[in-house]
Amino acid sequence: MALAPKQQRKKFGLGELLIEPTPEPISNISGCLDTLKRAWKKKGSLAGLWNDWNRLAGEKLASNCRPLSLRRGVLIIGASHPQWRQALIYSRPQLLAALKAAGHDIKDLKIQQYHPSANPDQEDEKSIWARHPSRIDVHGITNCQSCGCPAPTGEMALWGRCSFCRRKQLY
């Protein structure tokens, strides 16, 4: 059984009382952000590597190849196209030397084909809201077939009932 630190114990009769430890001092948000920045700049971490990647790999190579993972000193780099993969293979010794010179603890590089997921063009909120089924100013209003209450026509066309009846059906 372990003993609590001396500052957390108080004599009480023949025994001791356990006192709550003093809480850590509150730090402001900029202090938290500074801590995160230091962790990102830490050499040997993937975040630190991401931070230096454009400078170390060069602008063209960095825009088409990216570090994927770092485990036990082995950096896995993904190339978006076979030609960029070949360029990485040819520049492997120089890239490894640049990484070591920058203070990153990298023992070896592995290069693989990487197909980044294409981000579909996301719609803006305005266009989504313009066709939303609950809009009565666009779709109009009608009575629900289940409960007989007024409901947006868009909801009726989509679910065959109002949103309240739809919710009851789902739960």
C-alpha atoms as a PDB file:
ATOM      1  CA  MET A   1       0.000   0.000   0.000  1.00  0.00           C
ATOM      2  CA  ALA A   2       1.414   3.381  -1.016  1.00  0.00           C
ATOM      3  CA  LEU A   3       1.405   6.487   1.127  1.00  0.00           C
ATOM      4  CA  ALA A   4       0.100   9.820  -0.065  1.00  0.00           C
ATOM      5  CA  PRO A   5       2.635  12.650  -0.281  1.00  0.00           C
ATOM      6  CA  LYS A   6       3.258  14.581   2.941  1.00  0.00           C
ATOM      7  CA  GLN A   7       1.415  17.716   1.700  1.00  0.00           C
ATOM      8  CA  GLN A   8      -1.738  15.611   1.198  1.00  0.00           C
ATOM      9  CA  ARG A   9      -1.781  14.169   4.731  1.00  0.00           C
ATOM     10  CA  LYS A  10      -2.923  15.887   7.911  1.00  0.00           C
ATOM     11  CA  LYS A  11      -2.617  14.516  11.440  1.00  0.00           C
ATOM     12  CA  PHE A  12      -5.962  13.886  13.073  1.00  0.00           C
ATOM     13  CA  GLY A  13      -5.918  12.311  16.495  1.00  0.00           C
ATOM     14  CA  LEU A  14      -4.029   9.030  16.238  1.00  0.00           C
ATOM     15  CA  GLY A  15      -4.490   8.815  12.468  1.00  0.00           C
ATOM     16  CA  GLU A  16      -4.202  10.921   9.376  1.00  0.00           C
ATOM     17  CA  LEU A  17      -6.690  12.524   7.021  1.00  0.00           C
ATOM     18  CA  LEU A  18      -6.194  12.563   3.301  1.00  0.00           C
ATOM     19  CA  ILE A  19      -6.463  16.051   1.786  1.00  0.00           C
ATOM     20  CA  GLU A  20      -7.193  16.707  -1.874  1.00  0.00           C
ATOM     21  CA  PRO A  21      -4.109  17.783  -3.811  1.00  0.00           C
ATOM     22  CA  THR A  22      -3.906  21.390  -4.878  1.00  0.00           C
ATOM     23  CA  PRO A  23      -5.089  21.712  -8.467  1.00  0.00           C
ATOM     24  CA  GLU A  24      -2.652  22.585 -11.218  1.00  0.00           C
ATOM     25  CA  PRO A  25      -2.565  26.299 -11.976  1.00  0.00           C
ATOM     26  CA  ILE A  26      -4.845  27.304 -14.816  1.00  0.00           C
ATOM     27  CA  SER A  27      -2.996  28.162 -17.986  1.00  0.00           C
ATOM     28  CA  ASN A  28      -4.375  30.384 -20.675  1.00  0.00           C
ATOM     29  CA  ILE A  29      -5.152  29.176 -24.187  1.00  0.00           C
ATOM     30  CA  SER A  30      -1.971  30.671 -25.635  1.00  0.00           C
ATOM     31  CA  GLY A  31       0.055  28.520 -23.246  1.00  0.00           C
ATOM     32  CA  CYS A  32      -1.781  25.435 -24.469  1.00  0.00           C
ATOM     33  CA  LEU A  33      -1.176  26.444 -28.078  1.00  0.00           C
ATOM     34  CA  ASP A  34       2.521  27.008 -27.366  1.00  0.00           C
ATOM     35  CA  THR A  35       2.713  23.489 -25.921  1.00  0.00           C
ATOM     36  CA  LEU A  36       1.105  22.090 -29.075  1.00  0.00           C
ATOM     37  CA  LYS A  37       3.485  24.039 -31.296  1.00  0.00           C
ATOM     38  CA  ARG A  38       6.469  22.681 -29.390  1.00  0.00           C
ATOM     39  CA  ALA A  39       5.145  19.141 -29.826  1.00  0.00           C
ATOM     40  CA  TRP A  40       4.685  19.740 -33.555  1.00  0.00           C
ATOM     41  CA  LYS A  41       8.216  21.093 -33.909  1.00  0.00           C
ATOM     42  CA  LYS A  42       9.663  18.172 -31.984  1.00  0.00           C
ATOM     43  CA  LYS A  43      12.078  16.331 -34.218  1.00  0.00           C
ATOM     44  CA  GLY A  44      11.312  12.633 -34.526  1.00  0.00           C
ATOM     45  CA  SER A  45       7.549  13.015 -34.581  1.00  0.00           C
ATOM     46  CA  LEU A  46       5.342  12.793 -37.641  1.00  0.00           C
ATOM     47  CA  ALA A  47       3.885  16.224 -36.856  1.00  0.00           C
ATOM     48  CA  GLY A  48       7.386  17.717 -36.789  1.00  0.00           C
ATOM     49  CA  LEU A  49       8.135  16.023 -40.071  1.00  0.00           C
ATOM     50  CA  TRP A  50       4.959  17.402 -41.650  1.00  0.00           C
ATOM     51  CA  ASN A  51       6.039  20.827 -40.441  1.00  0.00           C
ATOM     52  CA  ASP A  52       9.394  20.572 -42.279  1.00  0.00           C
ATOM     53  CA  TRP A  53       8.233  18.501 -45.261  1.00  0.00           C
ATOM     54  CA  ASN A  54       8.009  21.271 -47.899  1.00  0.00           C
ATOM     55  CA  ARG A  55      11.461  22.575 -47.028  1.00  0.00           C
ATOM     56  CA  LEU A  56      13.118  19.137 -46.896  1.00  0.00           C
ATOM     57  CA  ALA A  57      11.547  17.462 -49.925  1.00  0.00           C
ATOM     58  CA  GLY A  58      11.309  20.482 -52.178  1.00  0.00           C
ATOM     59  CA  GLU A  59       8.149  22.161 -53.402  1.00  0.00           C
ATOM     60  CA  LYS A  60       7.396  19.875 -56.390  1.00  0.00           C
ATOM     61  CA  LEU A  61       8.130  16.615 -54.600  1.00  0.00           C
ATOM     62  CA  ALA A  62       6.298  17.715 -51.444  1.00  0.00           C
ATOM     63  CA  SER A  63       3.141  18.614 -53.347  1.00  0.00           C
ATOM     64  CA  ASN A  64       2.947  15.132 -54.914  1.00  0.00           C
ATOM     65  CA  CYS A  65       4.374  12.962 -52.125  1.00  0.00           C
ATOM     66  CA  ARG A  66       3.595  12.980 -48.442  1.00  0.00           C
ATOM     67  CA  PRO A  67       4.766  11.253 -45.275  1.00  0.00           C
ATOM     68  CA  LEU A  68       2.192   8.659 -44.257  1.00  0.00           C
ATOM     69  CA  SER A  69       3.565   7.114 -41.080  1.00  0.00           C
ATOM     70  CA  LEU A  70       6.649   6.959 -38.911  1.00  0.00           C
ATOM     71  CA  ARG A  71       7.317   3.797 -36.918  1.00  0.00           C
ATOM     72  CA  ARG A  72      10.570   2.825 -35.222  1.00  0.00           C
ATOM     73  CA  GLY A  73      12.553   5.245 -37.350  1.00  0.00           C
ATOM     74  CA  VAL A  74      11.125   4.015 -40.660  1.00  0.00           C
ATOM     75  CA  LEU A  75       9.322   6.730 -42.594  1.00  0.00           C
ATOM     76  CA  ILE A  76       6.728   5.585 -45.109  1.00  0.00           C
ATOM     77  CA  ILE A  77       6.226   8.079 -47.909  1.00  0.00           C
ATOM     78  CA  GLY A  78       3.329   7.867 -50.345  1.00  0.00           C
ATOM     79  CA  ALA A  79       3.516   9.067 -53.931  1.00  0.00           C
ATOM     80  CA  SER A  80       0.392  10.124 -55.810  1.00  0.00           C
ATOM     81  CA  HIS A  81       1.585   8.865 -59.210  1.00  0.00           C
ATOM     82  CA  PRO A  82       4.069   6.194 -60.377  1.00  0.00           C
ATOM     83  CA  GLN A  83       6.327   8.885 -61.866  1.00  0.00           C
ATOM     84  CA  TRP A  84       6.534  10.650 -58.508  1.00  0.00           C
ATOM     85  CA  ARG A  85       7.196   7.307 -56.847  1.00  0.00           C
ATOM     86  CA  GLN A  86      10.138   6.808 -59.191  1.00  0.00           C
ATOM     87  CA  ALA A  87      11.368  10.345 -58.504  1.00  0.00           C
ATOM     88  CA  LEU A  88      11.268   9.523 -54.783  1.00  0.00           C
ATOM     89  CA  ILE A  89      13.222   6.314 -55.338  1.00  0.00           C
ATOM     90  CA  TYR A  90      15.925   8.211 -57.254  1.00  0.00           C
ATOM     91  CA  SER A  91      16.142  10.995 -54.676  1.00  0.00           C
ATOM     92  CA  ARG A  92      15.910   8.617 -51.688  1.00  0.00           C
ATOM     93  CA  PRO A  93      19.555   9.027 -50.505  1.00  0.00           C
ATOM     94  CA  GLN A  94      19.407  12.837 -50.703  1.00  0.00           C
ATOM     95  CA  LEU A  95      16.034  12.950 -48.932  1.00  0.00           C
ATOM     96  CA  LEU A  96      17.249  10.635 -46.174  1.00  0.00           C
ATOM     97  CA  ALA A  97      20.363  12.781 -45.705  1.00  0.00           C
ATOM     98  CA  ALA A  98      18.251  15.967 -45.584  1.00  0.00           C
ATOM     99  CA  LEU A  99      15.942  14.432 -42.977  1.00  0.00           C
ATOM    100  CA  LYS A 100      18.875  13.370 -40.804  1.00  0.00           C
ATOM    101  CA  ALA A 101      20.566  16.769 -41.213  1.00  0.00           C
ATOM    102  CA  ALA A 102      17.363  18.494 -40.075  1.00  0.00           C
ATOM    103  CA  GLY A 103      17.474  16.468 -36.850  1.00  0.00           C
ATOM    104  CA  HIS A 104      14.788  13.900 -37.602  1.00  0.00           C
ATOM    105  CA  ASP A 105      15.619  10.444 -36.277  1.00  0.00           C
ATOM    106  CA  ILE A 106      14.918   8.537 -39.521  1.00  0.00           C
ATOM    107  CA  LYS A 107      16.750   5.264 -40.136  1.00  0.00           C
ATOM    108  CA  ASP A 108      15.130   4.215 -43.401  1.00  0.00           C
ATOM    109  CA  LEU A 109      12.591   5.320 -46.007  1.00  0.00           C
ATOM    110  CA  LYS A 110       9.922   3.149 -47.552  1.00  0.00           C
ATOM    111  CA  ILE A 111       8.163   4.434 -50.632  1.00  0.00           C
ATOM    112  CA  GLN A 112       4.742   3.276 -51.735  1.00  0.00           C
ATOM    113  CA  GLN A 113       1.974   4.249 -54.105  1.00  0.00           C
ATOM    114  CA  TYR A 114      -0.593   6.437 -52.371  1.00  0.00           C
ATOM    115  CA  HIS A 115      -3.936   7.477 -53.789  1.00  0.00           C
ATOM    116  CA  PRO A 116      -5.245  10.337 -51.704  1.00  0.00           C
ATOM    117  CA  SER A 117      -8.991  10.371 -51.421  1.00  0.00           C
ATOM    118  CA  ALA A 118     -10.370  13.110 -53.571  1.00  0.00           C
ATOM    119  CA  ASN A 119     -12.409  15.590 -51.610  1.00  0.00           C
ATOM    120  CA  PRO A 120     -15.695  15.952 -53.407  1.00  0.00           C
ATOM    121  CA  ASP A 121     -16.741  19.513 -53.899  1.00  0.00           C
ATOM    122  CA  GLN A 122     -18.810  20.178 -50.857  1.00  0.00           C
ATOM    123  CA  GLU A 123     -21.972  22.100 -51.318  1.00  0.00           C
ATOM    124  CA  ASP A 124     -22.425  25.298 -49.449  1.00  0.00           C
ATOM    125  CA  GLU A 125     -25.107  25.593 -46.790  1.00  0.00           C
ATOM    126  CA  LYS A 126     -27.188  27.937 -48.895  1.00  0.00           C
ATOM    127  CA  SER A 127     -27.746  25.396 -51.688  1.00  0.00           C
ATOM    128  CA  ILE A 128     -28.487  22.602 -49.206  1.00  0.00           C
ATOM    129  CA  TRP A 129     -31.035  24.749 -47.383  1.00  0.00           C
ATOM    130  CA  ALA A 130     -32.607  25.840 -50.692  1.00  0.00           C
ATOM    131  CA  ARG A 131     -33.784  22.300 -51.424  1.00  0.00           C
ATOM    132  CA  HIS A 132     -34.333  21.074 -47.855  1.00  0.00           C
ATOM    133  CA  PRO A 133     -37.576  19.030 -47.597  1.00  0.00           C
ATOM    134  CA  SER A 134     -38.807  20.939 -44.522  1.00  0.00           C
ATOM    135  CA  ARG A 135     -39.029  24.291 -46.359  1.00  0.00           C
ATOM    136  CA  ILE A 136     -42.702  25.201 -46.660  1.00  0.00           C
ATOM    137  CA  ASP A 137     -41.935  28.436 -48.546  1.00  0.00           C
ATOM    138  CA  VAL A 138     -40.410  26.377 -51.381  1.00  0.00           C
ATOM    139  CA  HIS A 139     -42.341  23.095 -51.365  1.00  0.00           C
ATOM    140  CA  GLY A 140     -45.639  24.184 -49.845  1.00  0.00           C
ATOM    141  CA  ILE A 141     -47.667  22.559 -47.074  1.00  0.00           C
ATOM    142  CA  THR A 142     -50.082  19.640 -46.966  1.00  0.00           C
ATOM    143  CA  ASN A 143     -51.595  17.324 -44.359  1.00  0.00           C
ATOM    144  CA  CYS A 144     -49.744  14.251 -43.085  1.00  0.00           C
ATOM    145  CA  GLN A 145     -51.363  10.989 -44.158  1.00  0.00           C
ATOM    146  CA  SER A 146     -50.558   9.342 -40.795  1.00  0.00           C
ATOM    147  CA  CYS A 147     -51.576  11.938 -38.213  1.00  0.00           C
ATOM    148  CA  GLY A 148     -53.504  14.480 -40.295  1.00  0.00           C
ATOM    149  CA  CYS A 149     -51.424  17.441 -39.051  1.00  0.00           C
ATOM    150  CA  PRO A 150     -50.067  20.095 -41.434  1.00  0.00           C
ATOM    151  CA  ALA A 151     -46.640  19.107 -42.793  1.00  0.00           C
ATOM    152  CA  PRO A 152     -44.221  20.346 -45.467  1.00  0.00           C
ATOM    153  CA  THR A 153     -44.871  18.789 -48.876  1.00  0.00           C
ATOM    154  CA  GLY A 154     -41.151  18.024 -49.241  1.00  0.00           C
ATOM    155  CA  GLU A 155     -41.236  15.768 -46.167  1.00  0.00           C
ATOM    156  CA  MET A 156     -44.361  14.040 -47.435  1.00  0.00           C
ATOM    157  CA  ALA A 157     -42.717  13.380 -50.815  1.00  0.00           C
ATOM    158  CA  LEU A 158     -39.507  12.130 -49.190  1.00  0.00           C
ATOM    159  CA  TRP A 159     -40.862   9.952 -46.353  1.00  0.00           C
ATOM    160  CA  GLY A 160     -44.601   9.656 -47.007  1.00  0.00           C
ATOM    161  CA  ARG A 161     -45.323  11.216 -43.589  1.00  0.00           C
ATOM    162  CA  CYS A 162     -44.375  14.271 -41.518  1.00  0.00           C
ATOM    163  CA  SER A 163     -41.077  14.410 -39.635  1.00  0.00           C
ATOM    164  CA  PHE A 164     -42.797  13.672 -36.291  1.00  0.00           C
ATOM    165  CA  CYS A 165     -44.407  10.486 -37.643  1.00  0.00           C
ATOM    166  CA  ARG A 166     -41.116   9.594 -39.337  1.00  0.00           C
ATOM    167  CA  ARG A 167     -39.329   9.924 -36.013  1.00  0.00           C
ATOM    168  CA  LYS A 168     -41.870   7.638 -34.329  1.00  0.00           C
ATOM    169  CA  GLN A 169     -41.322   5.121 -37.129  1.00  0.00           C
ATOM    170  CA  LEU A 170     -37.532   5.147 -36.692  1.00  0.00           C
ATOM    171  CA  TYR A 171     -37.571   4.840 -32.901  1.00  0.00           C
END
